[in-house]
PDB file of N, CA and C in Angstrom:
ATOM      1  N   TRP A   1      21.159 -11.838 -16.171  1.00  0.00           N
ATOM      2  CA  TRP A   1      20.079 -11.734 -17.130  1.00  0.00           C
ATOM      3  C   TRP A   1      19.317 -13.041 -17.267  1.00  0.00           C
ATOM      4  N   ALA A   2      19.919 -14.137 -16.870  1.00  0.00           N
ATOM      5  CA  ALA A   2      19.305 -15.449 -17.084  1.00  0.00           C
ATOM      6  C   ALA A   2      18.594 -15.987 -15.848  1.00  0.00           C
ATOM      7  N   ALA A   3      18.567 -15.238 -14.787  1.00  0.00           N
ATOM      8  CA  ALA A   3      17.926 -15.702 -13.562  1.00  0.00           C
ATOM      9  C   ALA A   3      17.267 -14.529 -12.845  1.00  0.00           C
ATOM     10  N   ALA A   4      16.308 -14.846 -12.026  1.00  0.00           N
ATOM     11  CA  ALA A   4      15.597 -13.811 -11.266  1.00  0.00           C
ATOM     12  C   ALA A   4      16.547 -13.122 -10.295  1.00  0.00           C
ATOM     13  N   PRO A   5      16.277 -11.877  -9.946  1.00  0.00           N
ATOM     14  CA  PRO A   5      15.256 -11.001 -10.510  1.00  0.00           C
ATOM     15  C   PRO A   5      15.664 -10.509 -11.896  1.00  0.00           C
ATOM     16  N   TYR A   6      14.671 -10.143 -12.683  1.00  0.00           N
ATOM     17  CA  TYR A   6      14.885  -9.844 -14.089  1.00  0.00           C
ATOM     18  C   TYR A   6      14.977  -8.347 -14.372  1.00  0.00           C
ATOM     19  N   LEU A   7      15.349  -8.028 -15.577  1.00  0.00           N
ATOM     20  CA  LEU A   7      15.633  -6.701 -16.136  1.00  0.00           C
ATOM     21  C   LEU A   7      17.016  -6.248 -15.695  1.00  0.00           C
ATOM     22  N   HIS A   8      17.508  -5.229 -16.307  1.00  0.00           N
ATOM     23  CA  HIS A   8      18.892  -4.798 -16.070  1.00  0.00           C
ATOM     24  C   HIS A   8      19.130  -4.360 -14.632  1.00  0.00           C
ATOM     25  N   ASN A   9      18.081  -3.935 -13.940  1.00  0.00           N
ATOM     26  CA  ASN A   9      18.245  -3.458 -12.567  1.00  0.00           C
ATOM     27  C   ASN A   9      17.603  -4.389 -11.539  1.00  0.00           C
ATOM     28  N   GLY A  10      17.172  -5.574 -11.955  1.00  0.00           N
ATOM     29  CA  GLY A  10      16.596  -6.532 -11.013  1.00  0.00           C
ATOM     30  C   GLY A  10      15.280  -6.092 -10.412  1.00  0.00           C
ATOM     31  N   SER A  11      14.478  -5.360 -11.165  1.00  0.00           N
ATOM     32  CA  SER A  11      13.263  -4.765 -10.610  1.00  0.00           C
ATOM     33  C   SER A  11      11.994  -5.589 -10.821  1.00  0.00           C
ATOM     34  N   VAL A  12      12.115  -6.771 -11.407  1.00  0.00           N
ATOM     35  CA  VAL A  12      10.958  -7.638 -11.625  1.00  0.00           C
ATOM     36  C   VAL A  12      11.321  -9.029 -11.091  1.00  0.00           C
ATOM     37  N   PRO A  13      10.591  -9.535 -10.092  1.00  0.00           N
ATOM     38  CA  PRO A  13      11.000 -10.772  -9.431  1.00  0.00           C
ATOM     39  C   PRO A  13      10.734 -12.058 -10.204  1.00  0.00           C
ATOM     40  N   THR A  14       9.762 -12.037 -11.135  1.00  0.00           N
ATOM     41  CA  THR A  14       9.413 -13.258 -11.860  1.00  0.00           C
ATOM     42  C   THR A  14       9.120 -12.942 -13.323  1.00  0.00           C
ATOM     43  N   LEU A  15       9.172 -13.982 -14.159  1.00  0.00           N
ATOM     44  CA  LEU A  15       8.800 -13.789 -15.556  1.00  0.00           C
ATOM     45  C   LEU A  15       7.315 -13.498 -15.691  1.00  0.00           C
ATOM     46  N   ARG A  16       6.489 -14.041 -14.812  1.00  0.00           N
ATOM     47  CA  ARG A  16       5.053 -13.727 -14.823  1.00  0.00           C
ATOM     48  C   ARG A  16       4.854 -12.230 -14.598  1.00  0.00           C
ATOM     49  N   ASP A  17       5.603 -11.657 -13.670  1.00  0.00           N
ATOM     50  CA  ASP A  17       5.502 -10.212 -13.424  1.00  0.00           C
ATOM     51  C   ASP A  17       5.984  -9.411 -14.628  1.00  0.00           C
ATOM     52  N   LEU A  18       6.969  -9.924 -15.327  1.00  0.00           N
ATOM     53  CA  LEU A  18       7.467  -9.231 -16.516  1.00  0.00           C
ATOM     54  C   LEU A  18       6.402  -9.147 -17.597  1.00  0.00           C
ATOM     55  N   LEU A  19       5.506 -10.125 -17.649  1.00  0.00           N
ATOM     56  CA  LEU A  19       4.430 -10.127 -18.634  1.00  0.00           C
ATOM     57  C   LEU A  19       3.196  -9.337 -18.160  1.00  0.00           C
ATOM     58  N   THR A  20       3.303  -8.702 -17.021  1.00  0.00           N
ATOM     59  CA  THR A  20       2.232  -7.876 -16.471  1.00  0.00           C
ATOM     60  C   THR A  20       2.495  -6.422 -16.840  1.00  0.00           C
ATOM     61  N   PRO A  21       1.465  -5.651 -17.167  1.00  0.00           N
ATOM     62  CA  PRO A  21       1.692  -4.233 -17.464  1.00  0.00           C
ATOM     63  C   PRO A  21       2.400  -3.531 -16.296  1.00  0.00           C
ATOM     64  N   PRO A  22       3.298  -2.608 -16.581  1.00  0.00           N
ATOM     65  CA  PRO A  22       4.089  -1.969 -15.525  1.00  0.00           C
ATOM     66  C   PRO A  22       3.276  -1.403 -14.363  1.00  0.00           C
ATOM     67  N   TYR A  23       2.131  -0.820 -14.647  1.00  0.00           N
ATOM     68  CA  TYR A  23       1.348  -0.215 -13.557  1.00  0.00           C
ATOM     69  C   TYR A  23       0.753  -1.274 -12.620  1.00  0.00           C
ATOM     70  N   GLN A  24       0.739  -2.547 -13.030  1.00  0.00           N
ATOM     71  CA  GLN A  24       0.221  -3.629 -12.193  1.00  0.00           C
ATOM     72  C   GLN A  24       1.335  -4.458 -11.544  1.00  0.00           C
ATOM     73  N   ARG A  25       2.576  -4.172 -11.861  1.00  0.00           N
ATOM     74  CA  ARG A  25       3.685  -4.962 -11.311  1.00  0.00           C
ATOM     75  C   ARG A  25       3.864  -4.703  -9.824  1.00  0.00           C
ATOM     76  N   ILE A  26       4.380  -5.707  -9.155  1.00  0.00           N
ATOM     77  CA  ILE A  26       4.664  -5.591  -7.733  1.00  0.00           C
ATOM     78  C   ILE A  26       5.635  -4.427  -7.513  1.00  0.00           C
ATOM     79  N   LYS A  27       5.403  -3.651  -6.479  1.00  0.00           N
ATOM     80  CA  LYS A  27       6.198  -2.441  -6.223  1.00  0.00           C
ATOM     81  C   LYS A  27       7.331  -2.665  -5.230  1.00  0.00           C
ATOM     82  N   ARG A  28       7.195  -3.662  -4.383  1.00  0.00           N
ATOM     83  CA  ARG A  28       8.212  -3.951  -3.368  1.00  0.00           C
ATOM     84  C   ARG A  28       8.230  -5.457  -3.156  1.00  0.00           C
ATOM     85  N   PHE A  29       9.437  -6.035  -3.172  1.00  0.00           N
ATOM     86  CA  PHE A  29       9.533  -7.479  -2.989  1.00  0.00           C
ATOM     87  C   PHE A  29      10.854  -7.841  -2.336  1.00  0.00           C
ATOM     88  N   PRO A  30      10.889  -9.039  -1.696  1.00  0.00           N
ATOM     89  CA  PRO A  30      12.080  -9.445  -0.960  1.00  0.00           C
ATOM     90  C   PRO A  30      13.164 -10.028  -1.857  1.00  0.00           C
ATOM     91  N   LEU A  31      14.390  -9.861  -1.394  1.00  0.00           N
ATOM     92  CA  LEU A  31      15.561 -10.508  -1.981  1.00  0.00           C
ATOM     93  C   LEU A  31      16.376 -11.111  -0.849  1.00  0.00           C
ATOM     94  N   GLY A  32      17.406 -11.847  -1.205  1.00  0.00           N
ATOM     95  CA  GLY A  32      18.274 -12.425  -0.192  1.00  0.00           C
ATOM     96  C   GLY A  32      17.830 -13.806   0.260  1.00  0.00           C
ATOM     97  N   HIS A  33      16.950 -14.414  -0.485  1.00  0.00           N
ATOM     98  CA  HIS A  33      16.509 -15.775  -0.196  1.00  0.00           C
ATOM     99  C   HIS A  33      16.586 -16.572  -1.497  1.00  0.00           C
ATOM    100  N   ARG A  34      16.427 -17.864  -1.389  1.00  0.00           N
ATOM    101  CA  ARG A  34      16.499 -18.708  -2.589  1.00  0.00           C
ATOM    102  C   ARG A  34      15.217 -19.507  -2.781  1.00  0.00           C
ATOM    103  N   GLU A  35      14.122 -19.003  -2.256  1.00  0.00           N
ATOM    104  CA  GLU A  35      12.847 -19.700  -2.396  1.00  0.00           C
ATOM    105  C   GLU A  35      12.265 -19.385  -3.770  1.00  0.00           C
ATOM    106  N   TYR A  36      12.180 -20.411  -4.591  1.00  0.00           N
ATOM    107  CA  TYR A  36      11.816 -20.279  -5.991  1.00  0.00           C
ATOM    108  C   TYR A  36      10.322 -20.526  -6.189  1.00  0.00           C
ATOM    109  N   ASP A  37       9.724 -19.764  -7.081  1.00  0.00           N
ATOM    110  CA  ASP A  37       8.321 -19.932  -7.448  1.00  0.00           C
ATOM    111  C   ASP A  37       8.278 -20.544  -8.848  1.00  0.00           C
ATOM    112  N   PRO A  38       8.047 -21.853  -8.964  1.00  0.00           N
ATOM    113  CA  PRO A  38       8.081 -22.496 -10.277  1.00  0.00           C
ATOM    114  C   PRO A  38       6.918 -22.103 -11.183  1.00  0.00           C
ATOM    115  N   MET A  39       5.821 -21.640 -10.633  1.00  0.00           N
ATOM    116  CA  MET A  39       4.681 -21.235 -11.457  1.00  0.00           C
ATOM    117  C   MET A  39       4.935 -19.882 -12.122  1.00  0.00           C
ATOM    118  N   LYS A  40       5.531 -18.963 -11.376  1.00  0.00           N
ATOM    119  CA  LYS A  40       5.792 -17.620 -11.900  1.00  0.00           C
ATOM    120  C   LYS A  40       7.193 -17.491 -12.491  1.00  0.00           C
ATOM    121  N   ILE A  41       8.032 -18.472 -12.270  1.00  0.00           N
ATOM    122  CA  ILE A  41       9.417 -18.517 -12.733  1.00  0.00           C
ATOM    123  C   ILE A  41      10.219 -17.342 -12.174  1.00  0.00           C
ATOM    124  N   GLY A  42      10.597 -17.485 -10.947  1.00  0.00           N
ATOM    125  CA  GLY A  42      11.398 -16.454 -10.287  1.00  0.00           C
ATOM    126  C   GLY A  42      11.347 -16.624  -8.782  1.00  0.00           C
ATOM    127  N   TYR A  43      11.779 -15.607  -8.079  1.00  0.00           N
ATOM    128  CA  TYR A  43      11.782 -15.663  -6.619  1.00  0.00           C
ATOM    129  C   TYR A  43      10.389 -15.431  -6.053  1.00  0.00           C
ATOM    130  N   ARG A  44      10.081 -16.150  -4.982  1.00  0.00           N
ATOM    131  CA  ARG A  44       8.798 -15.953  -4.308  1.00  0.00           C
ATOM    132  C   ARG A  44       8.727 -14.538  -3.748  1.00  0.00           C
ATOM    133  N   THR A  45       7.559 -13.973  -3.834  1.00  0.00           N
ATOM    134  CA  THR A  45       7.351 -12.615  -3.321  1.00  0.00           C
ATOM    135  C   THR A  45       6.368 -12.596  -2.158  1.00  0.00           C
ATOM    136  N   ASP A  46       5.849 -13.759  -1.804  1.00  0.00           N
ATOM    137  CA  ASP A  46       4.825 -13.834  -0.763  1.00  0.00           C
ATOM    138  C   ASP A  46       5.384 -14.236   0.604  1.00  0.00           C
ATOM    139  N   LEU A  47       6.672 -14.074   0.799  1.00  0.00           N
ATOM    140  CA  LEU A  47       7.286 -14.440   2.075  1.00  0.00           C
ATOM    141  C   LEU A  47       6.908 -13.444   3.167  1.00  0.00           C
ATOM    142  N   PRO A  48       6.812 -13.902   4.419  1.00  0.00           N
ATOM    143  CA  PRO A  48       6.565 -12.963   5.513  1.00  0.00           C
ATOM    144  C   PRO A  48       7.734 -11.985   5.654  1.00  0.00           C
ATOM    145  N   ARG A  49       7.456 -10.787   6.064  1.00  0.00           N
ATOM    146  CA  ARG A  49       8.491  -9.740   6.186  1.00  0.00           C
ATOM    147  C   ARG A  49       9.681 -10.194   7.028  1.00  0.00           C
ATOM    148  N   ALA A  50       9.460 -11.065   7.973  1.00  0.00           N
ATOM    149  CA  ALA A  50      10.555 -11.541   8.832  1.00  0.00           C
ATOM    150  C   ALA A  50      11.622 -12.281   8.029  1.00  0.00           C
ATOM    151  N   LYS A  51      11.275 -12.811   6.869  1.00  0.00           N
ATOM    152  CA  LYS A  51      12.235 -13.532   6.032  1.00  0.00           C
ATOM    153  C   LYS A  51      12.897 -12.635   4.987  1.00  0.00           C
ATOM    154  N   TRP A  52      12.522 -11.379   4.935  1.00  0.00           N
ATOM    155  CA  TRP A  52      13.122 -10.452   3.963  1.00  0.00           C
ATOM    156  C   TRP A  52      14.497 -10.026   4.462  1.00  0.00           C
ATOM    157  N   ARG A  53      15.551 -10.383   3.759  1.00  0.00           N
ATOM    158  CA  ARG A  53      16.890  -9.905   4.098  1.00  0.00           C
ATOM    159  C   ARG A  53      17.141  -8.554   3.448  1.00  0.00           C
ATOM    160  N   TYR A  54      16.690  -8.423   2.219  1.00  0.00           N
ATOM    161  CA  TYR A  54      16.801  -7.184   1.451  1.00  0.00           C
ATOM    162  C   TYR A  54      15.477  -6.985   0.731  1.00  0.00           C
ATOM    163  N   ALA A  55      15.261  -5.805   0.211  1.00  0.00           N
ATOM    164  CA  ALA A  55      14.039  -5.546  -0.544  1.00  0.00           C
ATOM    165  C   ALA A  55      14.343  -4.656  -1.737  1.00  0.00           C
ATOM    166  N   ILE A  56      13.586  -4.860  -2.787  1.00  0.00           N
ATOM    167  CA  ILE A  56      13.608  -3.966  -3.938  1.00  0.00           C
ATOM    168  C   ILE A  56      12.380  -3.078  -3.814  1.00  0.00           C
ATOM    169  N   ASP A  57      12.574  -1.786  -3.883  1.00  0.00           N
ATOM    170  CA  ASP A  57      11.480  -0.820  -3.807  1.00  0.00           C
ATOM    171  C   ASP A  57      11.455  -0.051  -5.117  1.00  0.00           C
ATOM    172  N   THR A  58      10.517  -0.388  -5.987  1.00  0.00           N
ATOM    173  CA  THR A  58      10.482   0.204  -7.324  1.00  0.00           C
ATOM    174  C   THR A  58       9.816   1.573  -7.350  1.00  0.00           C
ATOM    175  N   VAL A  59       9.269   2.006  -6.222  1.00  0.00           N
ATOM    176  CA  VAL A  59       8.600   3.311  -6.164  1.00  0.00           C
ATOM    177  C   VAL A  59       9.538   4.377  -5.610  1.00  0.00           C
ATOM    178  N   ASN A  60      10.193   4.089  -4.508  1.00  0.00           N
ATOM    179  CA  ASN A  60      10.990   5.096  -3.810  1.00  0.00           C
ATOM    180  C   ASN A  60      12.456   5.139  -4.217  1.00  0.00           C
ATOM    181  N   ASP A  61      12.893   4.178  -5.003  1.00  0.00           N
ATOM    182  CA  ASP A  61      14.283   4.149  -5.465  1.00  0.00           C
ATOM    183  C   ASP A  61      14.288   4.281  -6.980  1.00  0.00           C
ATOM    184  N   SER A  62      14.714   5.421  -7.478  1.00  0.00           N
ATOM    185  CA  SER A  62      14.663   5.689  -8.920  1.00  0.00           C
ATOM    186  C   SER A  62      15.521   4.710  -9.726  1.00  0.00           C
ATOM    187  N   ARG A  63      16.503   4.079  -9.107  1.00  0.00           N
ATOM    188  CA  ARG A  63      17.349   3.108  -9.808  1.00  0.00           C
ATOM    189  C   ARG A  63      16.645   1.774 -10.003  1.00  0.00           C
ATOM    190  N   SER A  64      15.534   1.566  -9.317  1.00  0.00           N
ATOM    191  CA  SER A  64      14.836   0.280  -9.363  1.00  0.00           C
ATOM    192  C   SER A  64      13.503   0.340 -10.087  1.00  0.00           C
ATOM    193  N   SER A  65      13.324   1.292 -10.952  1.00  0.00           N
ATOM    194  CA  SER A  65      12.050   1.409 -11.665  1.00  0.00           C
ATOM    195  C   SER A  65      11.777   0.165 -12.504  1.00  0.00           C
ATOM    196  N   ASN A  66      10.529  -0.285 -12.493  1.00  0.00           N
ATOM    197  CA  ASN A  66      10.118  -1.385 -13.359  1.00  0.00           C
ATOM    198  C   ASN A  66       9.012  -0.917 -14.307  1.00  0.00           C
ATOM    199  N   ALA A  67       9.074   0.335 -14.702  1.00  0.00           N
ATOM    200  CA  ALA A  67       8.010   0.957 -15.491  1.00  0.00           C
ATOM    201  C   ALA A  67       8.095   0.686 -16.987  1.00  0.00           C
ATOM    202  N   GLY A  68       9.160   0.129 -17.469  1.00  0.00           N
ATOM    203  CA  GLY A  68       9.306  -0.075 -18.906  1.00  0.00           C
ATOM    204  C   GLY A  68       9.025  -1.494 -19.338  1.00  0.00           C
ATOM    205  N   HIS A  69       9.444  -1.815 -20.545  1.00  0.00           N
ATOM    206  CA  HIS A  69       9.357  -3.161 -21.101  1.00  0.00           C
ATOM    207  C   HIS A  69       7.923  -3.657 -21.211  1.00  0.00           C
ATOM    208  N   LEU A  70       7.260  -3.231 -22.257  1.00  0.00           N
ATOM    209  CA  LEU A  70       5.861  -3.584 -22.473  1.00  0.00           C
ATOM    210  C   LEU A  70       5.667  -4.849 -23.297  1.00  0.00           C
ATOM    211  N   PHE A  71       6.722  -5.400 -23.871  1.00  0.00           N
ATOM    212  CA  PHE A  71       6.596  -6.554 -24.757  1.00  0.00           C
ATOM    213  C   PHE A  71       5.924  -7.727 -24.041  1.00  0.00           C
ATOM    214  N   GLY A  72       4.857  -8.247 -24.622  1.00  0.00           N
ATOM    215  CA  GLY A  72       4.161  -9.405 -24.074  1.00  0.00           C
ATOM    216  C   GLY A  72       3.109  -9.094 -23.041  1.00  0.00           C
ATOM    217  N   THR A  73       3.020  -7.853 -22.593  1.00  0.00           N
ATOM    218  CA  THR A  73       2.068  -7.523 -21.535  1.00  0.00           C
ATOM    219  C   THR A  73       0.623  -7.536 -22.011  1.00  0.00           C
ATOM    220  N   ASN A  74       0.397  -7.424 -23.320  1.00  0.00           N
ATOM    221  CA  ASN A  74      -0.975  -7.410 -23.825  1.00  0.00           C
ATOM    222  C   ASN A  74      -1.439  -8.785 -24.319  1.00  0.00           C
ATOM    223  N   LEU A  75      -0.647  -9.809 -24.105  1.00  0.00           N
ATOM    224  CA  LEU A  75      -1.067 -11.167 -24.472  1.00  0.00           C
ATOM    225  C   LEU A  75      -2.234 -11.609 -23.583  1.00  0.00           C
ATOM    226  N   PRO A  76      -3.143 -12.424 -24.116  1.00  0.00           N
ATOM    227  CA  PRO A  76      -4.180 -13.011 -23.258  1.00  0.00           C
ATOM    228  C   PRO A  76      -3.532 -13.902 -22.189  1.00  0.00           C
ATOM    229  N   GLU A  77      -4.190 -14.052 -21.059  1.00  0.00           N
ATOM    230  CA  GLU A  77      -3.637 -14.843 -19.950  1.00  0.00           C
ATOM    231  C   GLU A  77      -3.262 -16.256 -20.377  1.00  0.00           C
ATOM    232  N   ALA A  78      -4.091 -16.868 -21.202  1.00  0.00           N
ATOM    233  CA  ALA A  78      -3.798 -18.239 -21.647  1.00  0.00           C
ATOM    234  C   ALA A  78      -2.488 -18.293 -22.428  1.00  0.00           C
ATOM    235  N   GLU A  79      -2.219 -17.281 -23.230  1.00  0.00           N
ATOM    236  CA  GLU A  79      -0.971 -17.257 -23.993  1.00  0.00           C
ATOM    237  C   GLU A  79       0.225 -16.973 -23.091  1.00  0.00           C
ATOM    238  N   LYS A  80       0.045 -16.132 -22.083  1.00  0.00           N
ATOM    239  CA  LYS A  80       1.128 -15.883 -21.123  1.00  0.00           C
ATOM    240  C   LYS A  80       1.490 -17.187 -20.406  1.00  0.00           C
ATOM    241  N   THR A  81       0.465 -17.904 -19.971  1.00  0.00           N
ATOM    242  CA  THR A  81       0.689 -19.180 -19.284  1.00  0.00           C
ATOM    243  C   THR A  81       1.379 -20.173 -20.211  1.00  0.00           C
ATOM    244  N   ALA A  82       0.922 -20.256 -21.443  1.00  0.00           N
ATOM    245  CA  ALA A  82       1.547 -21.168 -22.411  1.00  0.00           C
ATOM    246  C   ALA A  82       3.007 -20.798 -22.654  1.00  0.00           C
ATOM    247  N   LEU A  83       3.294 -19.517 -22.758  1.00  0.00           N
ATOM    248  CA  LEU A  83       4.670 -19.061 -22.960  1.00  0.00           C
ATOM    249  C   LEU A  83       5.552 -19.448 -21.776  1.00  0.00           C
ATOM    250  N   LEU A  84       5.069 -19.235 -20.565  1.00  0.00           N
ATOM    251  CA  LEU A  84       5.853 -19.590 -19.384  1.00  0.00           C
ATOM    252  C   LEU A  84       6.065 -21.093 -19.310  1.00  0.00           C
ATOM    253  N   GLU A  85       5.058 -21.862 -19.627  1.00  0.00           N
ATOM    254  CA  GLU A  85       5.215 -23.330 -19.615  1.00  0.00           C
ATOM    255  C   GLU A  85       6.231 -23.765 -20.678  1.00  0.00           C
ATOM    256  N   TYR A  86       6.206 -23.131 -21.826  1.00  0.00           N
ATOM    257  CA  TYR A  86       7.186 -23.441 -22.867  1.00  0.00           C
ATOM    258  C   TYR A  86       8.605 -23.133 -22.380  1.00  0.00           C
ATOM    259  N   LEU A  87       8.783 -21.994 -21.757  1.00  0.00           N
ATOM    260  CA  LEU A  87      10.114 -21.605 -21.275  1.00  0.00           C
ATOM    261  C   LEU A  87      10.657 -22.598 -20.252  1.00  0.00           C
ATOM    262  N   LYS A  88       9.800 -23.233 -19.515  1.00  0.00           N
ATOM    263  CA  LYS A  88      10.236 -24.235 -18.541  1.00  0.00           C
ATOM    264  C   LYS A  88      10.806 -25.485 -19.213  1.00  0.00           C
ATOM    265  N   THR A  89      10.466 -25.698 -20.470  1.00  0.00           N
ATOM    266  CA  THR A  89      10.915 -26.911 -21.163  1.00  0.00           C
ATOM    267  C   THR A  89      12.217 -26.727 -21.916  1.00  0.00           C
ATOM    268  N   THR A  90      12.677 -25.502 -22.088  1.00  0.00           N
ATOM    269  CA  THR A  90      13.864 -25.262 -22.889  1.00  0.00           C
ATOM    270  C   THR A  90      15.120 -25.247 -22.050  1.00  0.00           C
TER     271      THR A  90
END
């Protein structure tokens, strides 16, 4: 719960994605690497497919849905950024 990927089923790769409305969240992302994205706070999702050891597919695997958890998704972008920067300091 304290490290990426987030949510009970690991369906959100970064805290930035968690603050995005579910319909805009990334649908498929790589796992099995340790490349960290300090801006989004979580695992990088922009790796070339050749570096994907495993993948989370939130569309085709019903156990990996990331459709819930709306808290914070309606914050203005500036407040989302401020919140993420604050979390980096704690």
